[in-house]
Amino acid sequence: MRIRHIRKGSHAGPDDGAAASRRVTPAGGEDVTRAPNDPPHRYRIRVRGHLGQTIRGAFPALQARASGGDTVLTGPLPDRAALHGVLAEIEALGLELLEVRRLPPV
C-alpha cells in the first residue's frame, strides 16, 4: 500500500497521479483497440486451486474446468479492458494467478 501525504488545501481525486501508476502501456507498439469487426481474442487463464460455483460466477464470460490442482478459465474476451477486468477480479478475490495465455484464433 502506498501512503501519500496531502497538503492542506489540496485535493486527491481520481486524477491525483494514482491512476497514472496503473495505466497500461502497450508493448512493442501493439494496438490495444480492436476494429469493430474483429472477433474477440480467446484466453486461457490458470489460477491455483479449485474454484467453487460461487467464485466461478465472478467470471460469467469464461468456462471453468479443473486441471490437476488448478482451475483453468477459458473463453473470449472482447478487448484488453475486459481482460484486465478479469485479472483485477482474480486479484480482488485473492486468487493466485499462474498463467495467462492468448489462444490462437479458431
Protein backbone atom coordinates (compact mmCIF):
# COMPACT_ATOMS: atom_id res chain seq x y z
CA MET A 1 0.00 0.00 0.00
CA ARG A 2 1.32 3.42 -0.91
CA ILE A 3 0.68 6.28 1.54
CA ARG A 4 0.77 9.84 0.29
CA HIS A 5 0.73 12.97 2.34
CA ILE A 6 -1.74 15.52 1.07
CA ARG A 7 -1.00 19.16 1.71
CA LYS A 8 -3.70 21.23 3.31
CA GLY A 9 -5.98 22.67 0.66
CA SER A 10 -5.02 20.13 -2.00
CA HIS A 11 -7.42 17.63 -3.48
CA ALA A 12 -6.72 13.96 -4.03
CA GLY A 13 -9.18 12.86 -6.66
CA PRO A 14 -9.14 10.28 -9.40
CA ASP A 15 -6.58 12.31 -11.34
CA ASP A 16 -4.16 12.64 -8.43
CA GLY A 17 -1.44 10.50 -10.04
CA ALA A 18 -2.52 7.18 -8.57
CA ALA A 19 -4.39 6.37 -11.76
CA ALA A 20 -1.30 7.17 -13.80
CA SER A 21 0.61 4.45 -11.94
CA ARG A 22 -1.98 1.90 -13.10
CA ARG A 23 -2.01 2.81 -16.79
CA VAL A 24 -1.10 0.03 -19.17
CA THR A 25 1.31 0.85 -21.96
CA PRO A 26 1.27 -1.43 -24.99
CA ALA A 27 4.46 -3.42 -25.51
CA GLY A 28 6.10 -3.26 -28.90
CA GLY A 29 3.59 -0.77 -30.29
CA GLU A 30 0.74 -3.30 -30.15
CA ASP A 31 -2.62 -1.74 -30.84
CA VAL A 32 -4.79 -2.08 -27.73
CA THR A 33 -8.02 -1.31 -29.55
CA ARG A 34 -9.82 -3.58 -31.97
CA ALA A 35 -11.76 -2.79 -35.09
CA PRO A 36 -15.50 -3.38 -34.59
CA ASN A 37 -15.49 -6.39 -36.96
CA ASP A 38 -12.54 -8.16 -35.31
CA PRO A 39 -13.56 -11.24 -33.32
CA PRO A 40 -12.69 -11.21 -29.61
CA HIS A 41 -9.46 -12.89 -28.55
CA ARG A 42 -9.76 -16.15 -26.67
CA TYR A 43 -7.79 -16.56 -23.44
CA ARG A 44 -6.78 -19.35 -21.11
CA ILE A 45 -6.22 -18.20 -17.54
CA ARG A 46 -4.95 -20.62 -14.91
CA VAL A 47 -5.38 -19.98 -11.18
CA ARG A 48 -4.24 -22.11 -8.26
CA GLY A 49 -6.82 -24.29 -6.55
CA HIS A 50 -10.30 -25.49 -7.36
CA LEU A 51 -12.87 -22.70 -7.65
CA GLY A 52 -16.32 -23.31 -6.24
CA GLN A 53 -19.55 -22.43 -8.01
CA THR A 54 -19.83 -19.05 -6.26
CA ILE A 55 -16.36 -17.84 -7.23
CA ARG A 56 -16.72 -19.21 -10.77
CA GLY A 57 -19.81 -16.99 -11.00
CA ALA A 58 -17.48 -13.97 -10.84
CA PHE A 59 -16.32 -14.90 -14.36
CA PRO A 60 -19.53 -15.32 -16.39
CA ALA A 61 -17.82 -14.90 -19.77
CA LEU A 62 -15.40 -17.76 -19.10
CA GLN A 63 -15.79 -21.51 -18.77
CA ALA A 64 -14.05 -23.10 -15.79
CA ARG A 65 -12.60 -26.59 -15.59
CA ALA A 66 -10.38 -28.34 -13.09
CA SER A 67 -6.88 -29.22 -14.26
CA GLY A 68 -4.80 -31.03 -11.68
CA GLY A 69 -4.96 -28.89 -8.55
CA ASP A 70 -5.75 -25.74 -10.53
CA THR A 71 -8.69 -24.16 -12.32
CA VAL A 72 -8.47 -23.09 -15.96
CA LEU A 73 -10.78 -20.30 -17.15
CA THR A 74 -11.20 -20.22 -20.92
CA GLY A 75 -13.21 -18.06 -23.28
CA PRO A 76 -13.41 -15.00 -25.49
CA LEU A 77 -12.91 -11.50 -24.11
CA PRO A 78 -13.94 -8.56 -26.29
CA ASP A 79 -10.92 -6.35 -25.60
CA ARG A 80 -7.99 -5.67 -23.30
CA ALA A 81 -10.21 -3.80 -20.86
CA ALA A 82 -12.22 -6.99 -20.34
CA LEU A 83 -9.02 -8.99 -19.84
CA HIS A 84 -7.76 -6.52 -17.27
CA GLY A 85 -11.17 -6.64 -15.58
CA VAL A 86 -10.87 -10.42 -15.21
CA LEU A 87 -7.32 -10.08 -13.87
CA ALA A 88 -8.46 -7.42 -11.39
CA GLU A 89 -11.27 -9.71 -10.22
CA ILE A 90 -8.78 -12.55 -9.72
CA GLU A 91 -6.65 -10.26 -7.58
CA ALA A 92 -9.66 -8.91 -5.64
CA LEU A 93 -10.75 -12.46 -4.81
CA GLY A 94 -7.26 -13.27 -3.53
CA LEU A 95 -6.67 -15.97 -6.13
CA GLU A 96 -3.16 -16.89 -7.22
CA LEU A 97 -2.73 -16.23 -10.94
CA LEU A 98 -0.47 -18.83 -12.55
CA GLU A 99 -0.78 -18.21 -16.29
CA VAL A 100 -2.48 -16.01 -18.86
CA ARG A 101 -2.31 -17.16 -22.47
CA ARG A 102 -3.98 -15.73 -25.55
CA LEU A 103 -5.14 -18.64 -27.67
CA PRO A 104 -4.77 -18.78 -31.45
CA PRO A 105 -7.90 -17.91 -33.44
CA VAL A 106 -10.15 -20.86 -34.29
